[in-house]
């Protein structure tokens, strides 16, 4: 059952380095890396050179440096978000329509005729843009001059070429 696996999944998530921060969530919370269960049973560099008397001093030092670590992580997140935004902006295709343009409207589940089935048309129209509302939203009317009841977003429209 999935409930029994949850602690293992959370442990894996908390001890895996995140790409944006280059740190583990555990280290950003507690100031030091977690000792994974495998390290307890095996001799590793970390467990071999562990000195109990120096441990408390190291933990205090790690906690003192925690704010600095979090600050560096915040800077890395900002850089990562900028990188992702630049990538997105190179891929996104900005579509702008003018008042008077003719467009086709995407057929959604709400506007689809149930008798058409899955082989029905994906686009309907043409519709004329009568008003730009805001942020890529347009009011439309059909070729008879009947205004559609609510505005439509750019992502549901495409240019119609008669």
Protein backbone atom coordinates (compact mmCIF):
# COMPACT_ATOMS: atom_id res chain seq x y z
CA UNK A 1 0.00 0.00 0.00
CA UNK A 2 1.23 3.51 -0.79
CA UNK A 3 1.00 4.71 2.82
CA UNK A 4 3.74 2.26 3.81
CA UNK A 5 6.04 3.64 1.10
CA UNK A 6 5.50 7.30 2.02
CA UNK A 7 8.35 7.60 4.59
CA UNK A 8 10.85 6.18 2.08
CA UNK A 9 9.64 8.52 -0.65
CA UNK A 10 9.82 11.54 1.66
CA UNK A 11 13.32 10.54 2.79
CA UNK A 12 14.46 10.26 -0.83
CA UNK A 13 12.93 13.64 -1.66
CA UNK A 14 14.46 15.39 1.34
CA UNK A 15 17.96 14.00 0.77
CA UNK A 16 18.20 14.51 -3.01
CA UNK A 17 19.95 17.59 -4.37
CA UNK A 18 17.46 19.97 -6.04
CA UNK A 19 18.53 21.49 -9.36
CA UNK A 20 17.50 25.11 -8.61
CA UNK A 21 19.22 25.30 -5.20
CA UNK A 22 22.10 22.83 -5.67
CA UNK A 23 21.33 21.74 -2.09
CA UNK A 24 19.13 19.15 -0.41
CA UNK A 25 15.98 20.29 1.40
CA UNK A 26 17.38 18.57 4.52
CA UNK A 27 20.53 20.72 4.47
CA UNK A 28 18.53 23.92 3.90
CA UNK A 29 16.42 23.04 6.93
CA UNK A 30 18.97 21.64 9.39
CA UNK A 31 22.28 23.07 8.15
CA UNK A 32 23.96 19.72 7.55
CA UNK A 33 23.54 16.75 5.27
CA UNK A 34 21.58 13.78 6.58
CA UNK A 35 23.37 10.56 7.45
CA UNK A 36 21.70 8.05 5.17
CA UNK A 37 20.90 4.59 6.55
CA UNK A 38 23.53 2.94 4.33
CA UNK A 39 26.27 5.04 5.96
CA UNK A 40 25.39 3.75 9.41
CA UNK A 41 26.10 0.10 8.59
CA UNK A 42 29.07 0.62 6.25
CA UNK A 43 32.38 2.31 6.81
CA UNK A 44 32.49 5.49 4.75
CA UNK A 45 34.81 8.49 4.96
CA UNK A 46 32.15 10.39 6.80
CA UNK A 47 31.63 7.74 9.49
CA UNK A 48 35.30 6.77 9.72
CA UNK A 49 36.53 10.30 10.49
CA UNK A 50 33.58 11.18 12.73
CA UNK A 51 34.74 12.46 16.12
CA UNK A 52 32.02 12.80 18.72
CA UNK A 53 33.80 15.59 20.63
CA UNK A 54 34.06 17.77 17.47
CA UNK A 55 30.54 16.97 16.31
CA UNK A 56 28.77 19.57 18.45
CA UNK A 57 31.13 22.34 17.32
CA UNK A 58 30.64 21.37 13.68
CA UNK A 59 26.85 21.37 14.11
CA UNK A 60 26.94 24.84 15.68
CA UNK A 61 29.16 26.09 12.84
CA UNK A 62 26.77 24.58 10.29
CA UNK A 63 23.83 26.33 11.97
CA UNK A 64 25.74 29.63 11.92
CA UNK A 65 26.35 29.20 8.20
CA UNK A 66 22.73 28.15 7.52
CA UNK A 67 21.56 31.69 6.71
CA UNK A 68 24.43 32.06 4.25
CA UNK A 69 23.54 28.72 2.65
CA UNK A 70 19.89 29.76 2.33
CA UNK A 71 20.92 33.08 0.80
CA UNK A 72 23.08 31.33 -1.81
CA UNK A 73 20.21 28.94 -2.53
CA UNK A 74 17.84 31.89 -3.03
CA UNK A 75 20.31 33.44 -5.50
CA UNK A 76 20.57 30.13 -7.37
CA UNK A 77 16.77 29.87 -7.51
CA UNK A 78 16.56 33.37 -9.02
CA UNK A 79 19.17 32.43 -11.65
CA UNK A 80 17.35 29.17 -12.38
CA UNK A 81 14.00 30.95 -12.75
CA UNK A 82 15.58 33.46 -15.13
CA UNK A 83 17.04 30.61 -17.17
CA UNK A 84 13.65 28.84 -17.32
CA UNK A 85 11.90 32.09 -18.29
CA UNK A 86 14.37 32.68 -21.13
CA UNK A 87 13.87 29.12 -22.37
CA UNK A 88 10.07 29.48 -22.21
CA UNK A 89 10.16 32.82 -24.01
CA UNK A 90 12.18 31.33 -26.88
CA UNK A 91 9.56 28.58 -27.34
CA UNK A 92 6.31 30.49 -26.82
CA UNK A 93 4.60 31.87 -29.89
CA UNK A 94 2.89 35.18 -29.25
CA UNK A 95 -0.38 35.48 -31.15
CA UNK A 96 -1.99 38.85 -31.50
CA UNK A 97 -5.19 39.67 -33.31
CA UNK A 98 -6.60 43.01 -34.37
CA UNK A 99 -10.20 44.19 -34.22
CA UNK A 100 -11.80 43.12 -37.51
CA UNK A 101 -9.67 39.96 -37.92
CA UNK A 102 -11.43 36.69 -38.64
CA UNK A 103 -10.59 33.77 -36.36
CA UNK A 104 -11.58 30.18 -35.70
CA UNK A 105 -12.56 29.13 -32.18
CA UNK A 106 -11.38 25.86 -30.62
CA UNK A 107 -14.17 23.38 -29.94
CA UNK A 108 -14.02 22.49 -26.24
CA UNK A 109 -15.90 19.80 -24.35
CA UNK A 110 -18.36 22.47 -23.20
CA UNK A 111 -19.06 23.73 -26.74
CA UNK A 112 -18.84 20.37 -28.51
CA UNK A 113 -21.96 18.86 -30.07
CA UNK A 114 -22.34 15.42 -28.42
CA UNK A 115 -23.76 13.92 -31.61
CA UNK A 116 -20.49 14.67 -33.46
CA UNK A 117 -18.37 12.18 -31.50
CA UNK A 118 -14.59 12.28 -31.43
CA UNK A 119 -14.32 12.72 -35.18
CA UNK A 120 -16.18 16.04 -35.13
CA UNK A 121 -14.46 19.31 -36.05
CA UNK A 122 -11.83 20.72 -33.69
CA UNK A 123 -12.38 24.34 -34.77
CA UNK A 124 -15.56 26.27 -35.51
CA UNK A 125 -16.26 29.60 -37.06
CA UNK A 126 -15.23 31.91 -38.58
CA UNK A 127 -15.81 34.64 -36.04
CA UNK A 128 -14.96 38.31 -36.29
CA UNK A 129 -13.07 40.04 -33.49
CA UNK A 130 -15.12 43.03 -32.40
CA UNK A 131 -13.26 44.08 -29.26
CA UNK A 132 -9.96 43.48 -27.50
CA UNK A 133 -10.79 43.11 -23.83
CA UNK A 134 -7.54 42.63 -21.88
CA UNK A 135 -4.54 40.30 -21.64
CA UNK A 136 -5.26 38.32 -24.80
CA UNK A 137 -9.04 38.18 -24.39
CA UNK A 138 -11.34 39.02 -27.29
CA UNK A 139 -15.07 39.50 -27.85
CA UNK A 140 -16.31 37.74 -30.97
CA UNK A 141 -19.31 37.78 -33.28
CA UNK A 142 -20.32 35.28 -35.93
CA UNK A 143 -20.71 36.06 -39.63
CA UNK A 144 -24.41 36.97 -39.05
CA UNK A 145 -23.41 39.70 -36.58
CA UNK A 146 -24.53 37.80 -33.45
CA UNK A 147 -22.19 38.52 -30.54
CA UNK A 148 -20.92 35.54 -28.53
CA UNK A 149 -21.98 35.69 -24.88
CA UNK A 150 -18.52 35.77 -23.28
CA UNK A 151 -14.96 36.69 -24.29
CA UNK A 152 -12.43 34.14 -25.59
CA UNK A 153 -8.73 33.84 -24.79
CA UNK A 154 -6.03 33.86 -27.47
CA UNK A 155 -5.08 30.26 -26.71
CA UNK A 156 -8.52 29.14 -27.96
CA UNK A 157 -8.33 31.13 -31.20
CA UNK A 158 -6.42 30.87 -34.44
CA UNK A 159 -6.31 33.07 -37.51
CA UNK A 160 -8.84 32.29 -40.24
CA UNK A 161 -7.69 32.68 -43.84
CA UNK A 162 -10.71 32.87 -46.22
